[in-house]
């Protein structure tokens, strides 16, 4: 086959390949292919997405968003953020109350360096929440939630929210920011390595000592790296106790919340605090038991609740 025939054959193959391509199988999703609408795209943010019960007035999550539509945000007439307060105790009668938290109109928008209209900074903060809902700081407790739901109203009257936007738009690629949930909670950090002494070990009646880690599981829940506090080394020659054994810190009030180990045995705790010492008397349905004192230099930073 001569060179001309080879070139002709390749050209025919390429034409056939591209003419048969399925546009629906495009590997890249763009705003145009995702649909015609509008959404607020996150530009920058700061603060924490929770209400700190130790500092409600200082709690704030702030963000700026540029408005994405087919005309650089110029089709957006209103940017509205509603607030729904969800009380963790429905018997209080205030569960599900929704109010308008803020509203910006097109006259509030300004063009940014990316070529889009941008809304003023939005601040979801403690004082704003209290003013909008009529609550006092004493009304808010751990487990309450403040749900901010935004919507864009276009000049033609169409409305776009997270509910009628695709998962792509509100995902990491497009950085859409319609809804923000801010639970009421307290910062918690009990992680660290602590000295312990265990006595009255079930197999010998003796004692052992060492160090144990408190490990964060998220959401104020923690576990010890060894719930047998060194006693398995004495009785079995090694090993640690774990499983669904944990405790939870809610605004510096600690309670045991997990009681089953990796073998399915149930653990029972009786504990107390005195100065720097957290004393934990423990036993389980397998017959293991001990009395452990965990030392917190400077004092145990929480109280115990049942």
Protein backbone atom coordinates (compact mmCIF):
# COMPACT_ATOMS: atom_id res chain seq x y z
CA UNK A 1 0.00 0.00 0.00
CA UNK A 2 1.48 3.37 -0.98
CA UNK A 3 1.67 6.45 1.23
CA UNK A 4 -1.42 8.13 -0.36
CA UNK A 5 -3.57 5.11 0.32
CA UNK A 6 -2.37 5.00 3.93
CA UNK A 7 -3.25 8.67 4.45
CA UNK A 8 -6.67 8.17 2.87
CA UNK A 9 -7.34 5.14 5.07
CA UNK A 10 -6.40 7.05 8.24
CA UNK A 11 -8.57 10.01 7.26
CA UNK A 12 -11.53 7.71 6.64
CA UNK A 13 -11.03 6.02 10.03
CA UNK A 14 -10.82 9.35 11.87
CA UNK A 15 -13.94 10.67 10.13
CA UNK A 16 -15.87 7.53 11.03
CA UNK A 17 -14.66 7.64 14.64
CA UNK A 18 -15.60 11.27 15.34
CA UNK A 19 -18.81 11.22 13.31
CA UNK A 20 -20.04 8.32 15.46
CA UNK A 21 -19.09 9.92 18.80
CA UNK A 22 -21.91 10.21 21.31
CA UNK A 23 -22.09 13.76 22.64
CA UNK A 24 -23.95 12.48 25.70
CA UNK A 25 -20.78 10.64 26.73
CA UNK A 26 -18.74 13.84 27.10
CA UNK A 27 -16.25 13.32 29.95
CA UNK A 28 -16.47 16.95 31.09
CA UNK A 29 -19.61 18.44 32.59
CA UNK A 30 -19.97 22.18 31.99
CA UNK A 31 -22.55 24.66 33.28
CA UNK A 32 -24.13 24.75 29.82
CA UNK A 33 -24.48 20.96 29.68
CA UNK A 34 -25.72 20.79 33.28
CA UNK A 35 -28.68 23.03 32.50
CA UNK A 36 -29.81 26.64 32.18
CA UNK A 37 -30.47 28.24 35.52
CA UNK A 38 -28.65 30.13 38.24
CA UNK A 39 -26.77 29.39 41.42
CA UNK A 40 -24.51 31.12 43.96
CA UNK A 41 -20.91 29.94 43.67
CA UNK A 42 -18.69 30.11 46.75
CA UNK A 43 -15.82 32.58 46.35
CA UNK A 44 -14.43 32.63 49.90
CA UNK A 45 -15.49 31.81 53.44
CA UNK A 46 -14.34 32.05 57.03
CA UNK A 47 -15.43 31.00 60.51
CA UNK A 48 -17.09 27.81 61.75
CA UNK A 49 -20.36 26.23 60.67
CA UNK A 50 -21.72 25.83 64.18
CA UNK A 51 -23.03 28.01 66.99
CA UNK A 52 -20.57 27.89 69.87
CA UNK A 53 -22.62 27.73 73.06
CA UNK A 54 -19.62 29.09 74.96
CA UNK A 55 -19.63 32.20 72.75
CA UNK A 56 -22.93 32.63 70.91
CA UNK A 57 -22.40 36.34 70.19
CA UNK A 58 -18.99 35.59 68.66
CA UNK A 59 -20.16 32.67 66.52
CA UNK A 60 -20.19 33.33 62.78
CA UNK A 61 -19.80 31.67 59.42
CA UNK A 62 -19.15 34.25 56.69
CA UNK A 63 -19.00 33.71 52.94
CA UNK A 64 -19.14 35.56 49.65
CA UNK A 65 -20.77 34.15 46.53
CA UNK A 66 -20.77 35.15 42.89
CA UNK A 67 -23.96 34.65 40.89
CA UNK A 68 -23.77 32.24 37.98
CA UNK A 69 -26.27 32.38 35.12
CA UNK A 70 -26.21 32.80 31.33
CA UNK A 71 -25.47 36.51 31.64
CA UNK A 72 -22.81 36.77 34.35
CA UNK A 73 -25.35 37.03 37.17
CA UNK A 74 -27.28 39.90 35.56
CA UNK A 75 -30.42 37.76 35.36
CA UNK A 76 -30.68 37.52 39.17
CA UNK A 77 -33.20 39.90 40.74
CA UNK A 78 -33.05 38.66 44.36
CA UNK A 79 -30.82 36.57 46.57
CA UNK A 80 -32.82 35.44 49.63
CA UNK A 81 -31.67 33.43 52.64
CA UNK A 82 -34.34 31.90 54.92
CA UNK A 83 -33.63 30.54 58.39
CA UNK A 84 -35.38 27.57 60.01
CA UNK A 85 -34.85 26.96 63.71
CA UNK A 86 -35.09 23.31 64.76
CA UNK A 87 -35.32 22.86 68.53
CA UNK A 88 -33.89 19.58 69.82
CA UNK A 89 -36.84 19.49 72.23
CA UNK A 90 -40.05 19.61 70.14
CA UNK A 91 -42.11 20.04 73.30
CA UNK A 92 -40.91 23.66 73.45
CA UNK A 93 -43.30 24.43 70.59
CA UNK A 94 -40.77 26.36 68.48
CA UNK A 95 -39.72 23.51 66.21
CA UNK A 96 -39.57 24.30 62.50
CA UNK A 97 -40.10 28.07 62.68
CA UNK A 98 -38.91 29.70 59.41
CA UNK A 99 -38.09 33.40 58.95
CA UNK A 100 -36.42 35.47 56.26
CA UNK A 101 -32.85 36.01 57.43
CA UNK A 102 -31.71 38.40 54.68
CA UNK A 103 -32.50 39.52 51.16
CA UNK A 104 -30.27 41.18 48.58
CA UNK A 105 -31.60 42.69 45.36
CA UNK A 106 -29.79 43.38 42.09
CA UNK A 107 -28.93 46.90 43.25
CA UNK A 108 -26.78 45.31 46.00
CA UNK A 109 -24.71 43.25 43.56
CA UNK A 110 -21.37 44.40 42.17
CA UNK A 111 -19.23 42.94 39.35
CA UNK A 112 -16.17 41.06 40.54
CA UNK A 113 -12.81 40.28 38.95
CA UNK A 114 -14.18 37.02 37.53
CA UNK A 115 -16.75 38.89 35.46
CA UNK A 116 -19.78 37.88 37.54
CA UNK A 117 -22.16 39.82 39.73
CA UNK A 118 -21.28 39.21 43.37
CA UNK A 119 -23.48 39.55 46.44
CA UNK A 120 -22.24 41.33 49.57
CA UNK A 121 -20.71 39.11 52.22
CA UNK A 122 -23.27 36.90 53.94
CA UNK A 123 -22.77 36.51 57.68
CA UNK A 124 -24.59 33.70 59.48
CA UNK A 125 -23.91 34.76 63.05
CA UNK A 126 -25.18 34.45 66.59
CA UNK A 127 -26.53 38.00 67.02
CA UNK A 128 -28.24 37.83 63.61
CA UNK A 129 -29.86 34.50 64.49
CA UNK A 130 -31.16 35.85 67.80
CA UNK A 131 -32.56 38.96 66.13
CA UNK A 132 -34.23 37.00 63.31
CA UNK A 133 -35.79 34.30 65.49
CA UNK A 134 -36.55 36.31 68.62
CA UNK A 135 -34.66 33.78 70.73
CA UNK A 136 -32.44 34.59 73.69
CA UNK A 137 -29.11 32.91 74.38
CA UNK A 138 -30.78 30.95 77.19
CA UNK A 139 -33.24 29.46 74.67
CA UNK A 140 -30.45 27.73 72.72
CA UNK A 141 -29.06 24.38 73.82
CA UNK A 142 -26.82 21.67 72.43
CA UNK A 143 -28.48 19.79 69.62
CA UNK A 144 -30.53 22.73 68.34
CA UNK A 145 -30.01 23.44 64.66
CA UNK A 146 -30.20 26.53 62.46
CA UNK A 147 -30.82 25.72 58.79
CA UNK A 148 -30.11 28.44 56.25
CA UNK A 149 -31.77 27.85 52.87
CA UNK A 150 -31.11 30.30 50.03
CA UNK A 151 -32.83 30.90 46.72
CA UNK A 152 -32.15 32.97 43.62
CA UNK A 153 -35.10 34.72 42.03
CA UNK A 154 -34.51 35.70 38.40
CA UNK A 155 -35.91 38.68 36.55
CA UNK A 156 -38.39 36.41 34.76
CA UNK A 157 -39.71 35.15 38.12
CA UNK A 158 -38.12 31.69 38.00
CA UNK A 159 -36.65 30.47 41.27
CA UNK A 160 -33.61 28.27 41.81
CA UNK A 161 -32.78 26.47 45.05
CA UNK A 162 -30.75 23.44 46.03
CA UNK A 163 -33.92 21.39 45.66
CA UNK A 164 -34.16 22.03 41.91
CA UNK A 165 -30.42 22.12 41.19
CA UNK A 166 -28.37 19.12 40.16
CA UNK A 167 -25.96 17.37 42.49
CA UNK A 168 -23.19 18.53 40.13
CA UNK A 169 -23.96 22.19 40.75
CA UNK A 170 -23.86 21.86 44.55
CA UNK A 171 -20.83 19.55 44.45
CA UNK A 172 -17.16 20.34 44.85
CA UNK A 173 -16.55 21.09 41.17
CA UNK A 174 -19.08 23.94 40.82
CA UNK A 175 -18.89 25.07 44.49
CA UNK A 176 -22.59 25.88 44.65
CA UNK A 177 -23.64 27.10 48.07
CA UNK A 178 -27.38 27.17 48.62
CA UNK A 179 -27.85 25.64 52.08
CA UNK A 180 -25.82 25.84 55.29
CA UNK A 181 -26.67 24.00 58.53
CA UNK A 182 -25.31 25.37 61.80
CA UNK A 183 -25.90 23.15 64.85
CA UNK A 184 -25.59 24.53 68.36
CA UNK A 185 -22.70 22.79 70.06
CA UNK A 186 -19.50 23.36 71.97
CA UNK A 187 -15.93 22.93 70.77
CA UNK A 188 -14.40 19.80 72.24
CA UNK A 189 -10.81 18.60 72.30
CA UNK A 190 -9.99 15.99 74.92
CA UNK A 191 -7.45 14.21 72.73
CA UNK A 192 -4.04 13.48 74.20
CA UNK A 193 -1.90 10.93 76.01
CA UNK A 194 -2.56 10.44 79.71
CA UNK A 195 -0.92 8.43 82.49
CA UNK A 196 -2.97 5.76 84.20
CA UNK A 197 -2.70 3.24 87.02
CA UNK A 198 -4.90 0.15 87.10
CA UNK A 199 -5.41 -1.85 90.29
CA UNK A 200 -7.57 -4.78 91.36
CA UNK A 201 -6.97 -6.53 88.04
CA UNK A 202 -9.33 -9.51 87.87
CA UNK A 203 -6.77 -12.20 87.08
CA UNK A 204 -4.19 -11.39 89.76
CA UNK A 205 -5.60 -8.67 92.01
CA UNK A 206 -2.42 -6.76 91.20
CA UNK A 207 -1.71 -3.50 89.40
CA UNK A 208 -0.11 -2.02 86.29
CA UNK A 209 0.55 1.47 84.95
CA UNK A 210 1.32 3.18 81.69
CA UNK A 211 -0.10 5.70 79.22
CA UNK A 212 -3.34 5.66 77.25
CA UNK A 213 -4.53 7.82 74.35
CA UNK A 214 -7.90 9.53 74.15
CA UNK A 215 -8.85 9.38 70.46
CA UNK A 216 -11.48 11.62 68.82
CA UNK A 217 -14.15 9.82 66.79
CA UNK A 218 -15.89 13.03 65.70
CA UNK A 219 -18.88 14.97 66.96
CA UNK A 220 -17.53 15.11 70.53
CA UNK A 221 -17.29 11.32 70.79
CA UNK A 222 -14.07 9.71 72.05
CA UNK A 223 -12.52 6.36 72.85
CA UNK A 224 -9.54 5.17 74.87
CA UNK A 225 -6.85 3.38 72.89
CA UNK A 226 -7.11 0.60 75.49
CA UNK A 227 -10.24 0.25 77.58
CA UNK A 228 -8.59 -2.46 79.69
CA UNK A 229 -5.83 0.01 80.63
CA UNK A 230 -2.90 -2.38 80.41
CA UNK A 231 -4.53 -5.28 82.22
CA UNK A 232 -4.53 -7.54 79.13
CA UNK A 233 -0.75 -7.49 79.30
CA UNK A 234 -0.92 -8.80 82.84
CA UNK A 235 -3.59 -11.42 82.24
CA UNK A 236 -3.05 -12.46 78.60
CA UNK A 237 0.49 -11.37 77.87
CA UNK A 238 -0.63 -8.51 75.58
CA UNK A 239 -3.45 -6.94 73.63
CA UNK A 240 -5.92 -4.10 74.15
CA UNK A 241 -9.67 -3.81 74.62
CA UNK A 242 -11.75 -1.94 72.04
CA UNK A 243 -14.91 -2.12 69.97
CA UNK A 244 -17.99 0.03 70.47
CA UNK A 245 -16.70 1.45 73.74
CA UNK A 246 -16.79 5.26 73.88
CA UNK A 247 -17.81 8.36 75.75
CA UNK A 248 -19.21 11.70 74.60
CA UNK A 249 -18.43 15.26 75.56
CA UNK A 250 -21.32 17.73 75.23
CA UNK A 251 -20.28 21.18 76.43
CA UNK A 252 -17.80 19.74 78.93
CA UNK A 253 -20.26 17.22 80.30
CA UNK A 254 -19.07 13.65 79.73
CA UNK A 255 -21.09 10.44 79.69
CA UNK A 256 -20.30 6.90 78.58
CA UNK A 257 -22.21 6.11 75.38
CA UNK A 258 -20.72 2.84 74.04
CA UNK A 259 -20.77 -0.36 76.03
CA UNK A 260 -20.01 -3.33 73.74
CA UNK A 261 -16.49 -4.56 73.01
CA UNK A 262 -15.20 -6.24 69.85
CA UNK A 263 -16.14 -9.67 71.25
CA UNK A 264 -19.76 -8.71 71.96
CA UNK A 265 -19.33 -8.44 75.71
CA UNK A 266 -21.05 -5.61 77.58
CA UNK A 267 -19.03 -3.27 79.79
CA UNK A 268 -20.21 -1.38 82.86
CA UNK A 269 -18.57 1.74 84.29
CA UNK A 270 -18.73 3.53 87.63
CA UNK A 271 -16.59 6.65 87.58
CA UNK A 272 -15.83 9.81 89.53
CA UNK A 273 -13.59 12.87 89.34
CA UNK A 274 -11.37 14.29 92.05
CA UNK A 275 -8.99 17.07 91.03
CA UNK A 276 -6.62 15.69 88.40
CA UNK A 277 -7.91 12.13 88.66
CA UNK A 278 -10.67 10.42 86.69
CA UNK A 279 -11.35 7.12 88.46
CA UNK A 280 -13.08 4.44 86.39
CA UNK A 281 -14.22 1.17 87.95
CA UNK A 282 -15.00 -1.17 85.07
CA UNK A 283 -16.10 -4.74 84.48
CA UNK A 284 -17.71 -6.73 81.68
CA UNK A 285 -19.82 -9.78 81.07
CA UNK A 286 -16.72 -11.88 80.28
CA UNK A 287 -15.59 -11.49 83.91
CA UNK A 288 -12.82 -8.93 83.33
CA UNK A 289 -12.59 -6.02 85.75
CA UNK A 290 -10.30 -3.40 87.18
CA UNK A 291 -10.03 -0.03 88.87
CA UNK A 292 -8.26 2.62 86.78
CA UNK A 293 -7.18 6.15 87.61
CA UNK A 294 -6.45 8.39 84.59
CA UNK A 295 -4.51 11.56 85.44
CA UNK A 296 -5.14 14.91 83.73
CA UNK A 297 -2.34 17.38 84.55
CA UNK A 298 -3.93 20.64 85.68
CA UNK A 299 -7.27 19.05 86.47
CA UNK A 300 -9.96 17.08 84.66
CA UNK A 301 -11.57 19.62 82.25
CA UNK A 302 -15.14 18.28 82.41
CA UNK A 303 -17.87 17.02 84.71
CA UNK A 304 -19.59 13.65 84.59
CA UNK A 305 -23.27 13.05 83.91
CA UNK A 306 -25.26 9.81 83.97
